[in-house]
């Protein structure tokens, strides 16, 4: 859901096995947290993000962005999405 209060889901599909990084950034472009880094097989994924647990202290309400970067050999792709946290 977007906007969200307690947690939100980041959904994505991988057409092939890839090295993947998922990071969250604040409105100024500062990295807030890294949600996943590693190799995943092809398929559909649903990653839950709880902003109260990701930075050690609860994050303030506002606009955040997630960036999914996949690298499968010579194919590098990036996807960005917007999330709105309300309190």
N, C-alpha and C. Protein backbone atom coordinates (compact mmCIF):
# COMPACT_ATOMS: atom_id res chain seq x y z
N UNK A 1 0.82 -1.21 0.00
CA UNK A 1 0.00 0.00 0.00
C UNK A 1 0.85 1.25 0.00
N UNK A 2 0.38 2.26 -0.62
CA UNK A 2 1.12 3.52 -0.69
C UNK A 2 0.11 4.65 -0.72
N UNK A 3 0.04 5.56 0.22
CA UNK A 3 0.96 5.69 1.35
C UNK A 3 0.77 4.56 2.37
N UNK A 4 1.76 4.42 3.24
CA UNK A 4 1.70 3.35 4.23
C UNK A 4 2.07 3.90 5.59
N UNK A 5 1.70 3.14 6.63
CA UNK A 5 1.96 3.59 8.00
C UNK A 5 3.01 2.73 8.70
N UNK A 6 2.78 1.44 8.78
CA UNK A 6 3.68 0.57 9.55
C UNK A 6 4.68 -0.19 8.69
N UNK A 7 4.24 -0.69 7.55
CA UNK A 7 5.12 -1.41 6.64
C UNK A 7 4.53 -1.35 5.25
N UNK A 8 5.36 -1.67 4.27
CA UNK A 8 4.90 -1.73 2.90
C UNK A 8 5.59 -2.90 2.20
N UNK A 9 5.03 -3.31 1.09
CA UNK A 9 5.59 -4.41 0.32
C UNK A 9 6.21 -3.88 -0.97
N UNK A 10 7.38 -4.37 -1.27
CA UNK A 10 8.05 -4.07 -2.54
C UNK A 10 8.00 -5.35 -3.36
N UNK A 11 7.29 -5.28 -4.48
CA UNK A 11 7.12 -6.47 -5.34
C UNK A 11 7.95 -6.31 -6.60
N UNK A 12 8.58 -7.41 -7.00
CA UNK A 12 9.37 -7.37 -8.22
C UNK A 12 9.49 -8.77 -8.81
N UNK A 13 9.80 -8.81 -10.11
CA UNK A 13 9.98 -10.08 -10.83
C UNK A 13 11.36 -10.09 -11.46
N UNK A 14 11.97 -11.25 -11.43
CA UNK A 14 13.26 -11.46 -12.09
C UNK A 14 13.06 -12.46 -13.22
N UNK A 15 13.35 -12.08 -14.46
CA UNK A 15 13.18 -13.01 -15.57
C UNK A 15 14.26 -14.09 -15.61
N UNK A 16 15.38 -13.82 -14.94
CA UNK A 16 16.48 -14.80 -14.89
C UNK A 16 17.25 -14.60 -13.59
N UNK A 17 18.05 -15.57 -13.24
CA UNK A 17 18.88 -15.48 -12.04
C UNK A 17 19.76 -14.24 -12.13
N UNK A 18 19.79 -13.46 -11.05
CA UNK A 18 20.51 -12.18 -11.08
C UNK A 18 21.14 -11.86 -9.73
N UNK A 19 22.19 -11.08 -9.78
CA UNK A 19 22.74 -10.45 -8.59
C UNK A 19 21.89 -9.21 -8.37
N UNK A 20 21.31 -9.06 -7.18
CA UNK A 20 20.34 -8.00 -6.96
C UNK A 20 20.68 -7.20 -5.70
N UNK A 21 20.45 -5.90 -5.77
CA UNK A 21 20.60 -5.01 -4.63
C UNK A 21 19.33 -4.19 -4.50
N UNK A 22 18.79 -4.11 -3.28
CA UNK A 22 17.60 -3.30 -3.02
C UNK A 22 17.95 -2.36 -1.88
N UNK A 23 17.89 -1.05 -2.17
CA UNK A 23 18.22 -0.03 -1.17
C UNK A 23 17.10 1.00 -1.09
N UNK A 24 17.00 1.64 0.07
CA UNK A 24 16.00 2.68 0.30
C UNK A 24 16.74 4.00 0.53
N UNK A 25 16.21 5.05 -0.08
CA UNK A 25 16.80 6.39 0.00
C UNK A 25 15.76 7.39 0.48
N UNK A 26 16.23 8.45 1.16
CA UNK A 26 15.31 9.52 1.55
C UNK A 26 15.15 10.50 0.39
N UNK A 27 14.39 11.54 0.62
CA UNK A 27 14.07 12.50 -0.44
C UNK A 27 15.31 13.23 -0.96
N UNK A 28 16.35 13.34 -0.12
CA UNK A 28 17.57 14.02 -0.52
C UNK A 28 18.58 13.09 -1.21
N UNK A 29 18.23 11.82 -1.31
CA UNK A 29 19.11 10.87 -1.98
C UNK A 29 20.08 10.17 -1.05
N UNK A 30 19.93 10.37 0.26
CA UNK A 30 20.78 9.68 1.23
C UNK A 30 20.28 8.24 1.43
N UNK A 31 21.20 7.30 1.43
CA UNK A 31 20.81 5.91 1.65
C UNK A 31 20.34 5.72 3.08
N UNK A 32 19.14 5.19 3.23
CA UNK A 32 18.55 4.94 4.54
C UNK A 32 18.88 3.53 5.01
N UNK A 33 18.77 2.56 4.10
CA UNK A 33 19.08 1.18 4.46
C UNK A 33 19.24 0.33 3.21
N UNK A 34 19.87 -0.81 3.38
CA UNK A 34 19.99 -1.81 2.34
C UNK A 34 19.09 -2.97 2.73
N UNK A 35 18.11 -3.29 1.90
CA UNK A 35 17.15 -4.34 2.23
C UNK A 35 17.60 -5.73 1.79
N UNK A 36 18.33 -5.79 0.69
CA UNK A 36 18.80 -7.09 0.21
C UNK A 36 19.97 -6.90 -0.72
N UNK A 37 20.92 -7.81 -0.63
CA UNK A 37 22.05 -7.83 -1.54
C UNK A 37 22.48 -9.28 -1.70
N UNK A 38 22.40 -9.78 -2.93
CA UNK A 38 22.80 -11.16 -3.17
C UNK A 38 22.22 -11.68 -4.47
N UNK A 39 22.33 -12.99 -4.66
CA UNK A 39 21.85 -13.62 -5.88
C UNK A 39 20.47 -14.22 -5.61
N UNK A 40 19.55 -13.97 -6.55
CA UNK A 40 18.23 -14.57 -6.47
C UNK A 40 17.91 -15.25 -7.80
N UNK A 41 17.15 -16.32 -7.71
CA UNK A 41 16.73 -17.07 -8.89
C UNK A 41 15.57 -16.34 -9.57
N UNK A 42 15.29 -16.70 -10.80
CA UNK A 42 14.17 -16.12 -11.53
C UNK A 42 12.88 -16.39 -10.78
N UNK A 43 11.97 -15.40 -10.79
CA UNK A 43 10.69 -15.58 -10.11
C UNK A 43 10.13 -14.26 -9.62
N UNK A 44 9.01 -14.35 -8.92
CA UNK A 44 8.34 -13.19 -8.34
C UNK A 44 8.66 -13.12 -6.86
N UNK A 45 8.89 -11.91 -6.38
CA UNK A 45 9.27 -11.71 -4.99
C UNK A 45 8.43 -10.61 -4.36
N UNK A 46 8.27 -10.70 -3.04
CA UNK A 46 7.51 -9.74 -2.25
C UNK A 46 8.33 -9.46 -0.99
N UNK A 47 8.93 -8.29 -0.92
CA UNK A 47 9.80 -7.93 0.19
C UNK A 47 9.08 -6.92 1.08
N UNK A 48 8.93 -7.24 2.37
CA UNK A 48 8.28 -6.31 3.29
C UNK A 48 9.32 -5.39 3.92
N UNK A 49 8.97 -4.09 3.99
CA UNK A 49 9.86 -3.11 4.61
C UNK A 49 9.15 -2.44 5.77
N UNK A 50 9.77 -2.52 6.94
CA UNK A 50 9.27 -1.86 8.14
C UNK A 50 10.24 -0.74 8.47
N UNK A 51 9.88 0.52 8.22
CA UNK A 51 10.81 1.63 8.44
C UNK A 51 11.16 1.85 9.91
N UNK A 52 10.40 1.28 10.84
CA UNK A 52 10.73 1.43 12.26
C UNK A 52 11.96 0.63 12.63
N UNK A 53 12.27 -0.43 11.87
CA UNK A 53 13.39 -1.31 12.21
C UNK A 53 14.59 -1.18 11.29
N UNK A 54 14.51 -0.35 10.27
CA UNK A 54 15.54 -0.38 9.23
C UNK A 54 16.74 0.51 9.50
N UNK A 55 16.58 1.57 10.23
CA UNK A 55 17.68 2.51 10.42
C UNK A 55 18.16 2.55 11.87
N UNK A 56 17.68 1.63 12.71
CA UNK A 56 18.05 1.64 14.11
C UNK A 56 17.10 2.50 14.94
N UNK A 57 16.59 3.55 14.36
CA UNK A 57 15.58 4.40 14.98
C UNK A 57 14.44 4.58 13.99
N UNK A 58 13.23 4.78 14.48
CA UNK A 58 12.11 4.96 13.54
C UNK A 58 12.35 6.16 12.62
N UNK A 59 12.03 5.99 11.37
CA UNK A 59 12.20 7.07 10.39
C UNK A 59 11.03 8.04 10.46
N UNK A 60 11.27 9.30 10.19
CA UNK A 60 10.18 10.27 10.18
C UNK A 60 9.29 10.07 8.95
N UNK A 61 8.08 10.58 9.03
CA UNK A 61 7.21 10.47 7.86
C UNK A 61 7.79 11.29 6.73
N UNK A 62 7.46 10.89 5.53
CA UNK A 62 7.98 11.60 4.37
C UNK A 62 8.03 10.70 3.16
N UNK A 63 8.73 11.15 2.15
CA UNK A 63 8.85 10.43 0.88
C UNK A 63 10.17 9.68 0.86
N UNK A 64 10.10 8.42 0.48
CA UNK A 64 11.27 7.56 0.36
C UNK A 64 11.22 6.87 -1.01
N UNK A 65 12.38 6.48 -1.48
CA UNK A 65 12.49 5.78 -2.76
C UNK A 65 13.23 4.47 -2.55
N UNK A 66 12.79 3.44 -3.25
CA UNK A 66 13.56 2.20 -3.27
C UNK A 66 14.17 2.06 -4.66
N UNK A 67 15.34 1.48 -4.71
CA UNK A 67 16.03 1.23 -5.97
C UNK A 67 16.42 -0.24 -6.02
N UNK A 68 15.96 -0.91 -7.06
CA UNK A 68 16.31 -2.31 -7.29
C UNK A 68 17.27 -2.34 -8.47
N UNK A 69 18.47 -2.85 -8.23
CA UNK A 69 19.48 -2.98 -9.28
C UNK A 69 19.74 -4.46 -9.49
N UNK A 70 19.59 -4.91 -10.74
CA UNK A 70 19.86 -6.31 -11.07
C UNK A 70 20.97 -6.38 -12.10
N UNK A 71 21.80 -7.40 -11.93
CA UNK A 71 22.92 -7.60 -12.84
C UNK A 71 23.01 -9.09 -13.16
N UNK A 72 22.71 -9.41 -14.40
CA UNK A 72 22.81 -10.81 -14.83
C UNK A 72 23.76 -10.87 -16.02
N UNK A 73 25.03 -10.94 -15.72
CA UNK A 73 26.04 -10.95 -16.78
C UNK A 73 26.25 -9.56 -17.34
N UNK A 74 25.94 -9.38 -18.61
CA UNK A 74 26.13 -8.07 -19.24
C UNK A 74 24.87 -7.22 -19.20
N UNK A 75 23.80 -7.70 -18.56
CA UNK A 75 22.52 -7.00 -18.51
C UNK A 75 22.34 -6.34 -17.14
N UNK A 76 22.53 -5.02 -17.05
CA UNK A 76 22.36 -4.25 -15.83
C UNK A 76 21.08 -3.44 -15.93
N UNK A 77 20.18 -3.60 -14.95
CA UNK A 77 18.92 -2.86 -14.96
C UNK A 77 18.66 -2.25 -13.60
N UNK A 78 17.98 -1.09 -13.61
CA UNK A 78 17.62 -0.40 -12.38
C UNK A 78 16.15 -0.02 -12.43
N UNK A 79 15.47 -0.24 -11.32
CA UNK A 79 14.07 0.16 -11.18
C UNK A 79 13.94 0.96 -9.89
N UNK A 80 13.22 2.08 -9.96
CA UNK A 80 13.04 2.93 -8.80
C UNK A 80 11.55 3.12 -8.54
N UNK A 81 11.17 3.13 -7.27
CA UNK A 81 9.77 3.35 -6.90
C UNK A 81 9.67 4.30 -5.73
N UNK A 82 8.55 4.99 -5.65
CA UNK A 82 8.31 5.99 -4.61
C UNK A 82 7.41 5.40 -3.53
N UNK A 83 7.74 5.72 -2.26
CA UNK A 83 6.93 5.29 -1.11
C UNK A 83 6.66 6.50 -0.23
N UNK A 84 5.47 6.61 0.31
CA UNK A 84 5.12 7.71 1.18
C UNK A 84 4.78 7.15 2.55
N UNK A 85 5.59 7.50 3.55
CA UNK A 85 5.40 7.05 4.93
C UNK A 85 4.61 8.11 5.70
N UNK A 86 3.51 7.70 6.33
CA UNK A 86 2.72 8.61 7.15
C UNK A 86 2.73 8.10 8.59
N UNK A 87 2.57 8.96 9.52
CA UNK A 87 2.53 8.59 10.95
C UNK A 87 1.18 8.89 11.55
